[in-house]
Amino acid sequence: MPGKKPTPDLFSPVDAEASADVLPLVPKVKKRAAPKKAAPDIKDMILEALVAAGGVSYLVEQAHEIPVTFLGLVAKVLPHQVKDAPEADDGVTVNIKRF
């Protein structure tokens, strides 16, 4: 028809004259992030540093000097310890002693 503008073909590439609401045929795909490989290495480094700092005696010293931070550490570690512990018939008993 001479007076009508032809409708764009759905499979033709989007040109500059096309309206803004026409989407390209191939959607942009986000690339996946690389897997976190450093986590086990960092954990080993932290454990080595703890041993070098004095191990248990260092942690006891920190518990006395900065109890809030130490108890935060206990709160982070305790759920993992309870989850990994073998199941007992009488349940789990936690004794918290104030320093």
Protein backbone atom coordinates (compact mmCIF):
# COMPACT_ATOMS: atom_id res chain seq x y z
CA MET A 1 0.00 0.00 0.00
CA PRO A 2 1.53 3.27 -1.08
CA GLY A 3 0.66 5.53 1.90
CA LYS A 4 1.46 3.14 4.75
CA LYS A 5 4.79 2.70 6.43
CA PRO A 6 5.78 -0.98 6.35
CA THR A 7 5.80 -2.75 9.70
CA PRO A 8 9.28 -3.83 10.77
CA ASP A 9 10.14 -7.47 10.34
CA LEU A 10 10.46 -9.11 13.77
CA PHE A 11 13.66 -10.86 12.76
CA SER A 12 15.42 -7.87 11.22
CA PRO A 13 18.10 -6.05 13.21
CA VAL A 14 17.04 -2.95 15.11
CA ASP A 15 18.00 0.20 13.19
CA ALA A 16 18.43 3.79 14.36
CA GLU A 17 15.01 4.82 13.06
CA ALA A 18 13.16 2.13 15.01
CA SER A 19 11.26 3.20 18.08
CA ALA A 20 12.81 2.83 21.53
CA ASP A 21 10.34 0.14 22.58
CA VAL A 22 11.66 -2.41 20.04
CA LEU A 23 14.01 -4.83 21.75
CA PRO A 24 17.00 -6.50 20.09
CA LEU A 25 16.62 -10.17 19.22
CA VAL A 26 19.45 -11.46 21.41
CA PRO A 27 19.14 -10.51 25.09
CA LYS A 28 22.27 -9.53 26.95
CA VAL A 29 23.41 -12.27 29.30
CA LYS A 30 25.30 -11.48 32.48
CA LYS A 31 28.52 -13.40 32.93
CA ARG A 32 28.79 -15.55 36.02
CA ALA A 33 31.30 -14.58 38.64
CA ALA A 34 34.34 -16.76 39.07
CA PRO A 35 33.97 -19.32 41.87
CA LYS A 36 35.47 -18.37 45.20
CA LYS A 37 38.63 -20.44 45.35
CA ALA A 38 40.40 -18.35 47.98
CA ALA A 39 38.10 -19.25 50.89
CA PRO A 40 39.87 -22.49 51.95
CA ASP A 41 43.28 -20.82 51.57
CA ILE A 42 42.21 -17.89 53.74
CA LYS A 43 40.86 -20.24 56.42
CA ASP A 44 44.20 -22.09 56.51
CA MET A 45 46.07 -18.78 56.76
CA ILE A 46 43.91 -17.65 59.69
CA LEU A 47 44.48 -20.93 61.52
CA GLU A 48 48.25 -20.66 60.94
CA ALA A 49 48.22 -17.10 62.29
CA LEU A 50 46.30 -18.26 65.37
CA VAL A 51 48.89 -20.94 66.07
CA ALA A 52 51.73 -18.44 65.56
CA ALA A 53 50.04 -15.93 67.93
CA GLY A 54 49.87 -18.46 70.75
CA GLY A 55 46.83 -20.60 70.05
CA VAL A 56 44.59 -21.22 73.05
CA SER A 57 46.54 -18.93 75.38
CA TYR A 58 46.14 -16.07 72.89
CA LEU A 59 42.38 -16.67 72.68
CA VAL A 60 42.09 -16.73 76.48
CA GLU A 61 43.99 -13.44 76.66
CA GLN A 62 41.65 -11.90 74.07
CA ALA A 63 38.62 -13.20 75.98
CA HIS A 64 39.77 -11.25 79.03
CA GLU A 65 40.83 -8.10 77.18
CA ILE A 66 37.98 -7.84 74.63
CA PRO A 67 35.11 -10.07 75.81
CA VAL A 68 32.52 -8.65 73.39
CA THR A 69 34.64 -9.47 70.36
CA PHE A 70 35.58 -12.88 71.73
CA LEU A 71 31.94 -13.80 72.37
CA GLY A 72 31.11 -12.66 68.84
CA LEU A 73 33.70 -15.15 67.61
CA VAL A 74 32.18 -17.85 69.83
CA ALA A 75 28.73 -17.08 68.43
CA LYS A 76 30.05 -17.50 64.88
CA VAL A 77 31.90 -20.75 65.58
CA LEU A 78 29.50 -22.45 67.99
CA PRO A 79 26.69 -23.26 65.50
CA HIS A 80 29.22 -25.01 63.24
CA GLN A 81 30.62 -26.99 66.15
CA VAL A 82 27.16 -28.11 67.28
CA LYS A 83 26.19 -29.05 63.73
CA ASP A 84 29.36 -31.08 63.19
CA ALA A 85 29.31 -32.76 66.61
CA PRO A 86 28.10 -36.35 66.79
CA GLU A 87 24.54 -36.62 68.00
CA ALA A 88 24.08 -37.53 71.66
CA ASP A 89 20.97 -38.99 73.25
CA ASP A 90 20.79 -36.30 75.94
CA GLY A 91 21.16 -33.29 73.60
CA VAL A 92 23.67 -30.47 73.74
CA THR A 93 24.63 -28.63 76.92
CA VAL A 94 26.29 -25.24 76.68
CA ASN A 95 27.80 -23.64 79.79
CA ILE A 96 28.60 -19.94 79.49
CA LYS A 97 30.94 -18.59 82.12
CA ARG A 98 31.36 -14.86 82.58
CA PHE A 99 34.97 -13.75 82.84
